[in-house]
Amino acid sequence: TVKYLLKPPYDTNCFDYLESWKKNGGKGPLSQSDCIQLCKISMHRLNGSSCLPVNIWFPINYKRCPENKCGYGNDEILVETCSGKKDEDKSELPDLRKCEIACKPGCWQVLYEITKQEAPQVEVHKS
């Protein structure tokens, strides 16, 4: 299914990622999800982290943090442990939830619906 939303000033408040991607010469996010991941990458890099946690799945050639350096909890913990900031420096940690607010839904979305149908098991009796 392809879903089309209306651009501002309509209530959908969507963003045309494809149009933006074309204007930027084929660079940049193509969806809200890509936008969120790229935003998180930027926040980690700006915060001084030398590696990215494994929960950032965007395909990028940055070094991934080892398990013992970056936990697998929420994003706030990941930024804290990846950046090496101490508890007293928490006010300097970025709030990664801002990425979800800043990245608007795409005006053009492809949605996939999958239906799994299972056949009943037939018992075979050997005589």
PDB file of N, CA and C in Angstrom:
ATOM      1  N   THR A   1       0.846  -1.173   0.000  1.00  0.00           N
ATOM      2  CA  THR A   1       0.000   0.000   0.000  1.00  0.00           C
ATOM      3  C   THR A   1       0.892   1.236   0.000  1.00  0.00           C
ATOM      4  N   VAL A   2       0.549   2.197  -0.810  1.00  0.00           N
ATOM      5  CA  VAL A   2       1.258   3.472  -0.820  1.00  0.00           C
ATOM      6  C   VAL A   2       0.343   4.505  -0.177  1.00  0.00           C
ATOM      7  N   LYS A   3       0.907   5.239   0.768  1.00  0.00           N
ATOM      8  CA  LYS A   3       0.138   6.239   1.510  1.00  0.00           C
ATOM      9  C   LYS A   3       0.702   7.620   1.180  1.00  0.00           C
ATOM     10  N   TYR A   4      -0.165   8.524   0.749  1.00  0.00           N
ATOM     11  CA  TYR A   4       0.231   9.892   0.436  1.00  0.00           C
ATOM     12  C   TYR A   4      -0.380  10.836   1.464  1.00  0.00           C
ATOM     13  N   LEU A   5       0.454  11.641   2.106  1.00  0.00           N
ATOM     14  CA  LEU A   5      -0.026  12.647   3.054  1.00  0.00           C
ATOM     15  C   LEU A   5       0.160  14.027   2.437  1.00  0.00           C
ATOM     16  N   LEU A   6      -0.646  14.967   2.859  1.00  0.00           N
ATOM     17  CA  LEU A   6      -0.547  16.327   2.338  1.00  0.00           C
ATOM     18  C   LEU A   6       0.503  17.120   3.123  1.00  0.00           C
ATOM     19  N   LYS A   7       1.292  17.891   2.378  1.00  0.00           N
ATOM     20  CA  LYS A   7       2.342  18.715   2.983  1.00  0.00           C
ATOM     21  C   LYS A   7       1.733  19.875   3.760  1.00  0.00           C
ATOM     22  N   PRO A   8       2.539  20.510   4.643  1.00  0.00           N
ATOM     23  CA  PRO A   8       2.052  21.688   5.360  1.00  0.00           C
ATOM     24  C   PRO A   8       1.512  22.711   4.363  1.00  0.00           C
ATOM     25  N   PRO A   9       0.471  23.384   4.724  1.00  0.00           N
ATOM     26  CA  PRO A   9      -0.057  23.698   6.042  1.00  0.00           C
ATOM     27  C   PRO A   9      -1.082  22.702   6.576  1.00  0.00           C
ATOM     28  N   TYR A  10      -1.236  21.551   5.950  1.00  0.00           N
ATOM     29  CA  TYR A  10      -2.226  20.579   6.412  1.00  0.00           C
ATOM     30  C   TYR A  10      -1.771  19.912   7.699  1.00  0.00           C
ATOM     31  N   ASP A  11      -2.744  19.347   8.426  1.00  0.00           N
ATOM     32  CA  ASP A  11      -2.491  18.764   9.747  1.00  0.00           C
ATOM     33  C   ASP A  11      -1.542  17.563   9.737  1.00  0.00           C
ATOM     34  N   THR A  12      -1.302  16.973   8.589  1.00  0.00           N
ATOM     35  CA  THR A  12      -0.426  15.794   8.550  1.00  0.00           C
ATOM     36  C   THR A  12       0.993  16.155   8.960  1.00  0.00           C
ATOM     37  N   ASN A  13       1.405  17.412   8.693  1.00  0.00           N
ATOM     38  CA  ASN A  13       2.733  17.896   9.068  1.00  0.00           C
ATOM     39  C   ASN A  13       3.829  16.952   8.579  1.00  0.00           C
ATOM     40  N   CYS A  14       3.665  16.443   7.360  1.00  0.00           N
ATOM     41  CA  CYS A  14       4.634  15.489   6.821  1.00  0.00           C
ATOM     42  C   CYS A  14       5.810  16.220   6.175  1.00  0.00           C
ATOM     43  N   PHE A  15       6.830  15.434   5.823  1.00  0.00           N
ATOM     44  CA  PHE A  15       8.016  15.952   5.157  1.00  0.00           C
ATOM     45  C   PHE A  15       8.271  15.090   3.926  1.00  0.00           C
ATOM     46  N   ASP A  16       8.554  15.722   2.796  1.00  0.00           N
ATOM     47  CA  ASP A  16       8.799  14.983   1.561  1.00  0.00           C
ATOM     48  C   ASP A  16      10.280  14.599   1.485  1.00  0.00           C
ATOM     49  N   TYR A  17      10.606  13.434   2.048  1.00  0.00           N
ATOM     50  CA  TYR A  17      11.999  12.972   2.090  1.00  0.00           C
ATOM     51  C   TYR A  17      12.544  12.709   0.694  1.00  0.00           C
ATOM     52  N   LEU A  18      11.713  12.184  -0.207  1.00  0.00           N
ATOM     53  CA  LEU A  18      12.174  11.883  -1.560  1.00  0.00           C
ATOM     54  C   LEU A  18      12.546  13.165  -2.307  1.00  0.00           C
ATOM     55  N   GLU A  19      11.717  14.183  -2.196  1.00  0.00           N
ATOM     56  CA  GLU A  19      12.010  15.474  -2.837  1.00  0.00           C
ATOM     57  C   GLU A  19      13.304  16.066  -2.277  1.00  0.00           C
ATOM     58  N   SER A  20      13.462  16.009  -0.968  1.00  0.00           N
ATOM     59  CA  SER A  20      14.666  16.518  -0.316  1.00  0.00           C
ATOM     60  C   SER A  20      15.900  15.727  -0.755  1.00  0.00           C
ATOM     61  N   TRP A  21      15.756  14.418  -0.858  1.00  0.00           N
ATOM     62  CA  TRP A  21      16.850  13.540  -1.282  1.00  0.00           C
ATOM     63  C   TRP A  21      17.295  13.901  -2.700  1.00  0.00           C
ATOM     64  N   LYS A  22      16.327  14.119  -3.577  1.00  0.00           N
ATOM     65  CA  LYS A  22      16.648  14.496  -4.962  1.00  0.00           C
ATOM     66  C   LYS A  22      17.356  15.842  -5.011  1.00  0.00           C
ATOM     67  N   LYS A  23      16.877  16.822  -4.234  1.00  0.00           N
ATOM     68  CA  LYS A  23      17.493  18.158  -4.196  1.00  0.00           C
ATOM     69  C   LYS A  23      18.925  18.101  -3.679  1.00  0.00           C
ATOM     70  N   ASN A  24      19.205  17.129  -2.783  1.00  0.00           N
ATOM     71  CA  ASN A  24      20.543  16.993  -2.190  1.00  0.00           C
ATOM     72  C   ASN A  24      21.442  16.047  -2.976  1.00  0.00           C
ATOM     73  N   GLY A  25      21.097  15.791  -4.220  1.00  0.00           N
ATOM     74  CA  GLY A  25      21.954  14.962  -5.070  1.00  0.00           C
ATOM     75  C   GLY A  25      21.988  13.502  -4.655  1.00  0.00           C
ATOM     76  N   GLY A  26      20.875  12.989  -4.158  1.00  0.00           N
ATOM     77  CA  GLY A  26      20.822  11.573  -3.778  1.00  0.00           C
ATOM     78  C   GLY A  26      21.433  11.300  -2.415  1.00  0.00           C
ATOM     79  N   LYS A  27      21.466  12.298  -1.569  1.00  0.00           N
ATOM     80  CA  LYS A  27      22.013  12.131  -0.215  1.00  0.00           C
ATOM     81  C   LYS A  27      20.956  12.512   0.806  1.00  0.00           C
ATOM     82  N   GLY A  28      20.987  11.831   1.945  1.00  0.00           N
ATOM     83  CA  GLY A  28      20.071  12.145   3.027  1.00  0.00           C
ATOM     84  C   GLY A  28      19.071  11.031   3.253  1.00  0.00           C
ATOM     85  N   PRO A  29      18.268  11.169   4.292  1.00  0.00           N
ATOM     86  CA  PRO A  29      17.302  10.124   4.637  1.00  0.00           C
ATOM     87  C   PRO A  29      16.157  10.048   3.620  1.00  0.00           C
ATOM     88  N   LEU A  30      15.623   8.847   3.463  1.00  0.00           N
ATOM     89  CA  LEU A  30      14.487   8.639   2.565  1.00  0.00           C
ATOM     90  C   LEU A  30      13.194   8.364   3.321  1.00  0.00           C
ATOM     91  N   SER A  31      13.283   8.328   4.649  1.00  0.00           N
ATOM     92  CA  SER A  31      12.090   8.055   5.458  1.00  0.00           C
ATOM     93  C   SER A  31      12.270   8.668   6.847  1.00  0.00           C
ATOM     94  N   GLN A  32      11.182   8.683   7.602  1.00  0.00           N
ATOM     95  CA  GLN A  32      11.238   9.169   8.973  1.00  0.00           C
ATOM     96  C   GLN A  32      12.193   8.296   9.792  1.00  0.00           C
ATOM     97  N   SER A  33      12.141   7.011   9.574  1.00  0.00           N
ATOM     98  CA  SER A  33      13.009   6.089  10.306  1.00  0.00           C
ATOM     99  C   SER A  33      14.486   6.365  10.016  1.00  0.00           C
ATOM    100  N   ASP A  34      14.832   6.581   8.742  1.00  0.00           N
ATOM    101  CA  ASP A  34      16.211   6.926   8.380  1.00  0.00           C
ATOM    102  C   ASP A  34      16.621   8.240   9.027  1.00  0.00           C
ATOM    103  N   CYS A  35      15.716   9.208   9.026  1.00  0.00           N
ATOM    104  CA  CYS A  35      15.983  10.515   9.625  1.00  0.00           C
ATOM    105  C   CYS A  35      16.322  10.365  11.110  1.00  0.00           C
ATOM    106  N   ILE A  36      15.545   9.562  11.814  1.00  0.00           N
ATOM    107  CA  ILE A  36      15.768   9.350  13.252  1.00  0.00           C
ATOM    108  C   ILE A  36      17.133   8.712  13.481  1.00  0.00           C
ATOM    109  N   GLN A  37      17.481   7.698  12.688  1.00  0.00           N
ATOM    110  CA  GLN A  37      18.769   7.027  12.856  1.00  0.00           C
ATOM    111  C   GLN A  37      19.938   7.975  12.566  1.00  0.00           C
ATOM    112  N   LEU A  38      19.831   8.767  11.496  1.00  0.00           N
ATOM    113  CA  LEU A  38      20.897   9.719  11.172  1.00  0.00           C
ATOM    114  C   LEU A  38      21.029  10.799  12.236  1.00  0.00           C
ATOM    115  N   CYS A  39      19.916  11.227  12.799  1.00  0.00           N
ATOM    116  CA  CYS A  39      19.925  12.203  13.893  1.00  0.00           C
ATOM    117  C   CYS A  39      20.657  11.620  15.107  1.00  0.00           C
ATOM    118  N   LYS A  40      20.363  10.367  15.444  1.00  0.00           N
ATOM    119  CA  LYS A  40      21.026   9.714  16.580  1.00  0.00           C
ATOM    120  C   LYS A  40      22.526   9.578  16.332  1.00  0.00           C
ATOM    121  N   ILE A  41      22.895   9.263  15.099  1.00  0.00           N
ATOM    122  CA  ILE A  41      24.319   9.168  14.751  1.00  0.00           C
ATOM    123  C   ILE A  41      24.985  10.521  14.973  1.00  0.00           C
ATOM    124  N   SER A  42      24.358  11.580  14.492  1.00  0.00           N
ATOM    125  CA  SER A  42      24.918  12.932  14.650  1.00  0.00           C
ATOM    126  C   SER A  42      25.078  13.292  16.115  1.00  0.00           C
ATOM    127  N   MET A  43      24.080  12.969  16.934  1.00  0.00           N
ATOM    128  CA  MET A  43      24.156  13.294  18.364  1.00  0.00           C
ATOM    129  C   MET A  43      25.285  12.523  19.043  1.00  0.00           C
ATOM    130  N   HIS A  44      25.447  11.253  18.702  1.00  0.00           N
ATOM    131  CA  HIS A  44      26.534  10.471  19.295  1.00  0.00           C
ATOM    132  C   HIS A  44      27.885  11.045  18.886  1.00  0.00           C
ATOM    133  N   ARG A  45      28.033  11.392  17.614  1.00  0.00           N
ATOM    134  CA  ARG A  45      29.309  11.916  17.124  1.00  0.00           C
ATOM    135  C   ARG A  45      29.599  13.289  17.742  1.00  0.00           C
ATOM    136  N   LEU A  46      28.588  14.150  17.819  1.00  0.00           N
ATOM    137  CA  LEU A  46      28.779  15.482  18.401  1.00  0.00           C
ATOM    138  C   LEU A  46      29.078  15.416  19.892  1.00  0.00           C
ATOM    139  N   ASN A  47      28.625  14.347  20.536  1.00  0.00           N
ATOM    140  CA  ASN A  47      28.819  14.194  21.970  1.00  0.00           C
ATOM    141  C   ASN A  47      30.197  13.605  22.298  1.00  0.00           C
ATOM    142  N   GLY A  48      31.004  13.360  21.279  1.00  0.00           N
ATOM    143  CA  GLY A  48      32.367  12.892  21.516  1.00  0.00           C
ATOM    144  C   GLY A  48      32.537  11.395  21.523  1.00  0.00           C
ATOM    145  N   SER A  49      31.518  10.650  21.162  1.00  0.00           N
ATOM    146  CA  SER A  49      31.636   9.199  21.135  1.00  0.00           C
ATOM    147  C   SER A  49      32.507   8.786  19.953  1.00  0.00           C
ATOM    148  N   SER A  50      33.424   7.868  20.197  1.00  0.00           N
ATOM    149  CA  SER A  50      34.311   7.400  19.128  1.00  0.00           C
ATOM    150  C   SER A  50      33.731   6.212  18.386  1.00  0.00           C
ATOM    151  N   CYS A  51      32.572   5.726  18.846  1.00  0.00           N
ATOM    152  CA  CYS A  51      31.937   4.593  18.192  1.00  0.00           C
ATOM    153  C   CYS A  51      30.420   4.728  18.318  1.00  0.00           C
ATOM    154  N   LEU A  52      29.712   3.895  17.582  1.00  0.00           N
ATOM    155  CA  LEU A  52      28.246   3.929  17.616  1.00  0.00           C
ATOM    156  C   LEU A  52      27.707   2.664  18.258  1.00  0.00           C
ATOM    157  N   PRO A  53      26.657   2.790  19.058  1.00  0.00           N
ATOM    158  CA  PRO A  53      26.054   1.594  19.663  1.00  0.00           C
ATOM    159  C   PRO A  53      25.370   0.734  18.605  1.00  0.00           C
ATOM    160  N   VAL A  54      25.221  -0.534  18.910  1.00  0.00           N
ATOM    161  CA  VAL A  54      24.654  -1.478  17.946  1.00  0.00           C
ATOM    162  C   VAL A  54      23.176  -1.232  17.672  1.00  0.00           C
ATOM    163  N   ASN A  55      22.480  -0.478  18.524  1.00  0.00           N
ATOM    164  CA  ASN A  55      21.059  -0.256  18.265  1.00  0.00           C
ATOM    165  C   ASN A  55      20.812   0.822  17.213  1.00  0.00           C
ATOM    166  N   ILE A  56      21.852   1.428  16.699  1.00  0.00           N
ATOM    167  CA  ILE A  56      21.721   2.311  15.537  1.00  0.00           C
ATOM    168  C   ILE A  56      22.011   1.430  14.334  1.00  0.00           C
ATOM    169  N   TRP A  57      20.963   1.109  13.613  1.00  0.00           N
ATOM    170  CA  TRP A  57      21.060   0.108  12.559  1.00  0.00           C
ATOM    171  C   TRP A  57      21.328   0.692  11.192  1.00  0.00           C
ATOM    172  N   PHE A  58      21.386   2.001  11.060  1.00  0.00           N
ATOM    173  CA  PHE A  58      21.575   2.625   9.754  1.00  0.00           C
ATOM    174  C   PHE A  58      22.907   2.179   9.154  1.00  0.00           C
ATOM    175  N   PRO A  59      22.912   1.783   7.876  1.00  0.00           N
ATOM    176  CA  PRO A  59      24.166   1.301   7.272  1.00  0.00           C
ATOM    177  C   PRO A  59      25.161   2.440   7.056  1.00  0.00           C
ATOM    178  N   ILE A  60      26.170   2.452   7.877  1.00  0.00           N
ATOM    179  CA  ILE A  60      27.171   3.523   7.822  1.00  0.00           C
ATOM    180  C   ILE A  60      28.506   2.924   8.244  1.00  0.00           C
ATOM    181  N   ASN A  61      29.577   3.432   7.715  1.00  0.00           N
ATOM    182  CA  ASN A  61      30.892   2.848   7.969  1.00  0.00           C
ATOM    183  C   ASN A  61      31.587   3.440   9.193  1.00  0.00           C
ATOM    184  N   TYR A  62      30.877   3.584  10.298  1.00  0.00           N
ATOM    185  CA  TYR A  62      31.489   4.009  11.551  1.00  0.00           C
ATOM    186  C   TYR A  62      31.735   2.786  12.411  1.00  0.00           C
ATOM    187  N   LYS A  63      32.766   2.875  13.227  1.00  0.00           N
ATOM    188  CA  LYS A  63      33.095   1.784  14.136  1.00  0.00           C
ATOM    189  C   LYS A  63      31.966   1.565  15.136  1.00  0.00           C
ATOM    190  N   ARG A  64      31.634   0.318  15.377  1.00  0.00           N
ATOM    191  CA  ARG A  64      30.603  -0.027  16.371  1.00  0.00           C
ATOM    192  C   ARG A  64      31.264  -0.222  17.731  1.00  0.00           C
ATOM    193  N   CYS A  65      30.547   0.172  18.786  1.00  0.00           N
ATOM    194  CA  CYS A  65      31.072   0.039  20.139  1.00  0.00           C
ATOM    195  C   CYS A  65      31.022  -1.415  20.585  1.00  0.00           C
ATOM    196  N   PRO A  66      32.034  -1.857  21.321  1.00  0.00           N
ATOM    197  CA  PRO A  66      31.969  -3.207  21.887  1.00  0.00           C
ATOM    198  C   PRO A  66      30.875  -3.280  22.948  1.00  0.00           C
ATOM    199  N   GLU A  67      30.356  -4.474  23.176  1.00  0.00           N
ATOM    200  CA  GLU A  67      29.249  -4.665  24.125  1.00  0.00           C
ATOM    201  C   GLU A  67      29.562  -4.102  25.502  1.00  0.00           C
ATOM    202  N   ASN A  68      30.793  -4.246  25.966  1.00  0.00           N
ATOM    203  CA  ASN A  68      31.110  -3.800  27.320  1.00  0.00           C
ATOM    204  C   ASN A  68      31.236  -2.276  27.417  1.00  0.00           C
ATOM    205  N   LYS A  69      31.303  -1.583  26.268  1.00  0.00           N
ATOM    206  CA  LYS A  69      31.390  -0.125  26.323  1.00  0.00           C
ATOM    207  C   LYS A  69      30.018   0.525  26.225  1.00  0.00           C
ATOM    208  N   CYS A  70      29.161  -0.002  25.389  1.00  0.00           N
ATOM    209  CA  CYS A  70      27.815   0.555  25.210  1.00  0.00           C
ATOM    210  C   CYS A  70      26.800  -0.513  25.534  1.00  0.00           C
ATOM    211  N   GLY A  71      25.963  -0.232  26.517  1.00  0.00           N
ATOM    212  CA  GLY A  71      24.939  -1.191  26.893  1.00  0.00           C
ATOM    213  C   GLY A  71      23.864  -1.309  25.841  1.00  0.00           C
ATOM    214  N   TYR A  72      22.919  -2.144  26.101  1.00  0.00           N
ATOM    215  CA  TYR A  72      21.833  -2.362  25.148  1.00  0.00           C
ATOM    216  C   TYR A  72      20.520  -1.845  25.716  1.00  0.00           C
ATOM    217  N   GLY A  73      20.568  -0.854  26.595  1.00  0.00           N
ATOM    218  CA  GLY A  73      19.367  -0.314  27.213  1.00  0.00           C
ATOM    219  C   GLY A  73      18.776   0.805  26.394  1.00  0.00           C
ATOM    220  N   ASN A  74      18.210   1.796  27.093  1.00  0.00           N
ATOM    221  CA  ASN A  74      17.585   2.903  26.364  1.00  0.00           C
ATOM    222  C   ASN A  74      18.652   3.832  25.796  1.00  0.00           C
ATOM    223  N   ASP A  75      18.226   4.723  24.904  1.00  0.00           N
ATOM    224  CA  ASP A  75      19.166   5.591  24.203  1.00  0.00           C
ATOM    225  C   ASP A  75      19.940   6.512  25.133  1.00  0.00           C
ATOM    226  N   GLU A  76      19.312   6.981  26.211  1.00  0.00           N
ATOM    227  CA  GLU A  76      20.001   7.883  27.135  1.00  0.00           C
ATOM    228  C   GLU A  76      21.208   7.177  27.749  1.00  0.00           C
ATOM    229  N   ILE A  77      21.008   5.914  28.142  1.00  0.00           N
ATOM    230  CA  ILE A  77      22.112   5.141  28.722  1.00  0.00           C
ATOM    231  C   ILE A  77      23.197   4.913  27.683  1.00  0.00           C
ATOM    232  N   LEU A  78      22.776   4.633  26.442  1.00  0.00           N
ATOM    233  CA  LEU A  78      23.757   4.388  25.394  1.00  0.00           C
ATOM    234  C   LEU A  78      24.631   5.601  25.136  1.00  0.00           C
ATOM    235  N   VAL A  79      24.033   6.772  25.080  1.00  0.00           N
ATOM    236  CA  VAL A  79      24.832   7.982  24.866  1.00  0.00           C
ATOM    237  C   VAL A  79      25.769   8.192  26.035  1.00  0.00           C
ATOM    238  N   GLU A  80      25.254   7.974  27.243  1.00  0.00           N
ATOM    239  CA  GLU A  80      26.065   8.175  28.442  1.00  0.00           C
ATOM    240  C   GLU A  80      27.278   7.245  28.444  1.00  0.00           C
ATOM    241  N   THR A  81      27.060   5.964  28.198  1.00  0.00           N
ATOM    242  CA  THR A  81      28.165   5.015  28.281  1.00  0.00           C
ATOM    243  C   THR A  81      29.097   5.112  27.081  1.00  0.00           C
ATOM    244  N   CYS A  82      28.580   5.475  25.918  1.00  0.00           N
ATOM    245  CA  CYS A  82      29.435   5.596  24.734  1.00  0.00           C
ATOM    246  C   CYS A  82      30.297   6.844  24.803  1.00  0.00           C
ATOM    247  N   SER A  83      29.768   7.896  25.394  1.00  0.00           N
ATOM    248  CA  SER A  83      30.493   9.160  25.410  1.00  0.00           C
ATOM    249  C   SER A  83      31.529   9.223  26.524  1.00  0.00           C
ATOM    250  N   GLY A  84      31.374   8.364  27.533  1.00  0.00           N
ATOM    251  CA  GLY A  84      32.298   8.395  28.651  1.00  0.00           C
ATOM    252  C   GLY A  84      31.983   9.493  29.650  1.00  0.00           C
ATOM    253  N   LYS A  85      30.868  10.172  29.496  1.00  0.00           N
ATOM    254  CA  LYS A  85      30.492  11.244  30.432  1.00  0.00           C
ATOM    255  C   LYS A  85      30.126  10.637  31.781  1.00  0.00           C
ATOM    256  N   LYS A  86      30.431  11.352  32.819  1.00  0.00           N
ATOM    257  CA  LYS A  86      30.115  10.912  34.177  1.00  0.00           C
ATOM    258  C   LYS A  86      28.723  11.396  34.567  1.00  0.00           C
ATOM    259  N   ASP A  87      28.202  10.862  35.699  1.00  0.00           N
ATOM    260  CA  ASP A  87      26.868  11.242  36.162  1.00  0.00           C
ATOM    261  C   ASP A  87      26.722  12.754  36.339  1.00  0.00           C
ATOM    262  N   GLU A  88      27.793  13.412  36.823  1.00  0.00           N
ATOM    263  CA  GLU A  88      27.684  14.849  37.063  1.00  0.00           C
ATOM    264  C   GLU A  88      27.610  15.639  35.747  1.00  0.00           C
ATOM    265  N   ASP A  89      27.974  14.997  34.622  1.00  0.00           N
ATOM    266  CA  ASP A  89      27.931  15.658  33.315  1.00  0.00           C
ATOM    267  C   ASP A  89      26.635  15.362  32.556  1.00  0.00           C
ATOM    268  N   LYS A  90      25.657  14.729  33.209  1.00  0.00           N
ATOM    269  CA  LYS A  90      24.443  14.299  32.501  1.00  0.00           C
ATOM    270  C   LYS A  90      23.702  15.445  31.835  1.00  0.00           C
ATOM    271  N   SER A  91      23.824  16.657  32.354  1.00  0.00           N
ATOM    272  CA  SER A  91      23.121  17.787  31.746  1.00  0.00           C
ATOM    273  C   SER A  91      23.643  18.057  30.335  1.00  0.00           C
ATOM    274  N   GLU A  92      24.864  17.601  30.044  1.00  0.00           N
ATOM    275  CA  GLU A  92      25.453  17.813  28.723  1.00  0.00           C
ATOM    276  C   GLU A  92      25.057  16.716  27.731  1.00  0.00           C
ATOM    277  N   LEU A  93      24.422  15.652  28.200  1.00  0.00           N
ATOM    278  CA  LEU A  93      24.055  14.554  27.310  1.00  0.00           C
ATOM    279  C   LEU A  93      22.883  14.951  26.426  1.00  0.00           C
ATOM    280  N   PRO A  94      22.936  14.581  25.141  1.00  0.00           N
ATOM    281  CA  PRO A  94      21.820  14.925  24.264  1.00  0.00           C
ATOM    282  C   PRO A  94      20.601  14.061  24.568  1.00  0.00           C
ATOM    283  N   ASP A  95      19.442  14.605  24.347  1.00  0.00           N
ATOM    284  CA  ASP A  95      18.200  13.870  24.520  1.00  0.00           C
ATOM    285  C   ASP A  95      17.808  13.315  23.153  1.00  0.00           C
ATOM    286  N   LEU A  96      18.033  12.024  22.957  1.00  0.00           N
ATOM    287  CA  LEU A  96      17.796  11.413  21.651  1.00  0.00           C
ATOM    288  C   LEU A  96      16.324  11.373  21.275  1.00  0.00           C
ATOM    289  N   ARG A  97      15.434  11.597  22.235  1.00  0.00           N
ATOM    290  CA  ARG A  97      14.001  11.662  21.901  1.00  0.00           C
ATOM    291  C   ARG A  97      13.710  12.859  21.010  1.00  0.00           C
ATOM    292  N   LYS A  98      14.601  13.858  21.031  1.00  0.00           N
ATOM    293  CA  LYS A  98      14.425  15.020  20.164  1.00  0.00           C
ATOM    294  C   LYS A  98      14.464  14.616  18.692  1.00  0.00           C
ATOM    295  N   CYS A  99      15.182  13.546  18.387  1.00  0.00           N
ATOM    296  CA  CYS A  99      15.245  13.061  17.008  1.00  0.00           C
ATOM    297  C   CYS A  99      13.862  12.609  16.543  1.00  0.00           C
ATOM    298  N   GLU A 100      13.140  11.943  17.416  1.00  0.00           N
ATOM    299  CA  GLU A 100      11.814  11.454  17.045  1.00  0.00           C
ATOM    300  C   GLU A 100      10.840  12.612  16.860  1.00  0.00           C
ATOM    301  N   ILE A 101      11.067  13.707  17.565  1.00  0.00           N
ATOM    302  CA  ILE A 101      10.214  14.889  17.422  1.00  0.00           C
ATOM    303  C   ILE A 101      10.589  15.659  16.151  1.00  0.00           C
ATOM    304  N   ALA A 102      11.888  15.791  15.903  1.00  0.00           N
ATOM    305  CA  ALA A 102      12.372  16.578  14.770  1.00  0.00           C
ATOM    306  C   ALA A 102      12.082  15.919  13.425  1.00  0.00           C
ATOM    307  N   CYS A 103      12.081  14.604  13.381  1.00  0.00           N
ATOM    308  CA  CYS A 103      11.876  13.884  12.120  1.00  0.00           C
ATOM    309  C   CYS A 103      10.391  13.613  11.913  1.00  0.00           C
ATOM    310  N   LYS A 104       9.837  14.303  10.956  1.00  0.00           N
ATOM    311  CA  LYS A 104       8.399  14.229  10.687  1.00  0.00           C
ATOM    312  C   LYS A 104       8.071  12.989   9.854  1.00  0.00           C
ATOM    313  N   PRO A 105       6.807  12.559   9.885  1.00  0.00           N
ATOM    314  CA  PRO A 105       6.425  11.429   9.039  1.00  0.00           C
ATOM    315  C   PRO A 105       6.589  11.794   7.561  1.00  0.00           C
ATOM    316  N   GLY A 106       6.903  10.817   6.749  1.00  0.00           N
ATOM    317  CA  GLY A 106       7.066  11.046   5.319  1.00  0.00           C
ATOM    318  C   GLY A 106       5.726  11.286   4.635  1.00  0.00           C
ATOM    319  N   CYS A 107       5.734  12.160   3.625  1.00  0.00           N
ATOM    320  CA  CYS A 107       4.499  12.430   2.878  1.00  0.00           C
ATOM    321  C   CYS A 107       4.156  11.259   1.963  1.00  0.00           C
ATOM    322  N   TRP A 108       5.142  10.475   1.631  1.00  0.00           N
ATOM    323  CA  TRP A 108       4.962   9.326   0.750  1.00  0.00           C
ATOM    324  C   TRP A 108       5.512   8.118   1.493  1.00  0.00           C
ATOM    325  N   GLN A 109       4.652   7.169   1.787  1.00  0.00           N
ATOM    326  CA  GLN A 109       5.072   6.004   2.564  1.00  0.00           C
ATOM    327  C   GLN A 109       4.615   4.728   1.869  1.00  0.00           C
ATOM    328  N   VAL A 110       5.479   3.746   1.844  1.00  0.00           N
ATOM    329  CA  VAL A 110       5.108   2.431   1.334  1.00  0.00           C
ATOM    330  C   VAL A 110       4.939   1.522   2.541  1.00  0.00           C
ATOM    331  N   LEU A 111       3.758   0.945   2.671  1.00  0.00           N
ATOM    332  CA  LEU A 111       3.445   0.071   3.795  1.00  0.00           C
ATOM    333  C   LEU A 111       3.216  -1.341   3.265  1.00  0.00           C
ATOM    334  N   TYR A 112       3.795  -2.302   3.924  1.00  0.00           N
ATOM    335  CA  TYR A 112       3.642  -3.694   3.519  1.00  0.00           C
ATOM    336  C   TYR A 112       2.786  -4.423   4.530  1.00  0.00           C
ATOM    337  N   GLU A 113       1.852  -5.197   4.032  1.00  0.00           N
ATOM    338  CA  GLU A 113       1.020  -6.020   4.894  1.00  0.00           C
ATOM    339  C   GLU A 113       1.266  -7.460   4.496  1.00  0.00           C
ATOM    340  N   ILE A 114       1.627  -8.263   5.470  1.00  0.00           N
ATOM    341  CA  ILE A 114       1.954  -9.664   5.205  1.00  0.00           C
ATOM    342  C   ILE A 114       0.976 -10.544   5.958  1.00  0.00           C
ATOM    343  N   THR A 115       0.437 -11.511   5.244  1.00  0.00           N
ATOM    344  CA  THR A 115      -0.473 -12.471   5.854  1.00  0.00           C
ATOM    345  C   THR A 115       0.166 -13.847   5.745  1.00  0.00           C
ATOM    346  N   LYS A 116       0.271 -14.503   6.858  1.00  0.00           N
ATOM    347  CA  LYS A 116       0.849 -15.837   6.881  1.00  0.00           C
ATOM    348  C   LYS A 116      -0.290 -16.841   7.003  1.00  0.00           C
ATOM    349  N   GLN A 117      -0.316 -17.765   6.087  1.00  0.00           N
ATOM    350  CA  GLN A 117      -1.362 -18.769   6.110  1.00  0.00           C
ATOM    351  C   GLN A 117      -0.700 -20.124   6.271  1.00  0.00           C
ATOM    352  N   GLU A 118      -1.112 -20.831   7.301  1.00  0.00           N
ATOM    353  CA  GLU A 118      -0.523 -22.137   7.567  1.00  0.00           C
ATOM    354  C   GLU A 118      -1.509 -23.231   7.193  1.00  0.00           C
ATOM    355  N   ALA A 119      -0.985 -24.244   6.563  1.00  0.00           N
ATOM    356  CA  ALA A 119      -1.812 -25.402   6.226  1.00  0.00           C
ATOM    357  C   ALA A 119      -1.838 -26.334   7.434  1.00  0.00           C
ATOM    358  N   PRO A 120      -2.974 -26.989   7.669  1.00  0.00           N
ATOM    359  CA  PRO A 120      -3.034 -27.919   8.812  1.00  0.00           C
ATOM    360  C   PRO A 120      -2.093 -29.106   8.586  1.00  0.00           C
ATOM    361  N   GLN A 121      -1.522 -29.577   9.683  1.00  0.00           N
ATOM    362  CA  GLN A 121      -0.621 -30.727   9.622  1.00  0.00           C
ATOM    363  C   GLN A 121      -1.432 -31.996   9.387  1.00  0.00           C
ATOM    364  N   VAL A 122      -1.009 -32.806   8.464  1.00  0.00           N
ATOM    365  CA  VAL A 122      -1.681 -34.072   8.175  1.00  0.00           C
ATOM    366  C   VAL A 122      -0.825 -35.182   8.753  1.00  0.00           C
ATOM    367  N   GLU A 123      -1.459 -35.998   9.573  1.00  0.00           N
ATOM    368  CA  GLU A 123      -0.735 -37.123  10.160  1.00  0.00           C
ATOM    369  C   GLU A 123      -0.668 -38.260   9.158  1.00  0.00           C
ATOM    370  N   VAL A 124       0.517 -38.811   9.028  1.00  0.00           N
ATOM    371  CA  VAL A 124       0.706 -39.930   8.116  1.00  0.00           C
ATOM    372  C   VAL A 124       0.901 -41.177   8.969  1.00  0.00           C
ATOM    373  N   HIS A 125       0.030 -42.177   8.757  1.00  0.00           N
ATOM    374  CA  HIS A 125       0.128 -43.440   9.490  1.00  0.00           C
ATOM    375  C   HIS A 125       0.759 -44.484   8.587  1.00  0.00           C
ATOM    376  N   LYS A 126       1.832 -45.057   9.057  1.00  0.00           N
ATOM    377  CA  LYS A 126       2.474 -46.130   8.288  1.00  0.00           C
ATOM    378  C   LYS A 126       1.890 -47.459   8.727  1.00  0.00           C
ATOM    379  N   SER A 127       1.542 -48.296   7.756  1.00  0.00           N
ATOM    380  CA  SER A 127       0.977 -49.605   8.093  1.00  0.00           C
ATOM    381  C   SER A 127       1.955 -50.709   7.847  1.00  0.00           C
TER     382      SER A 127
END
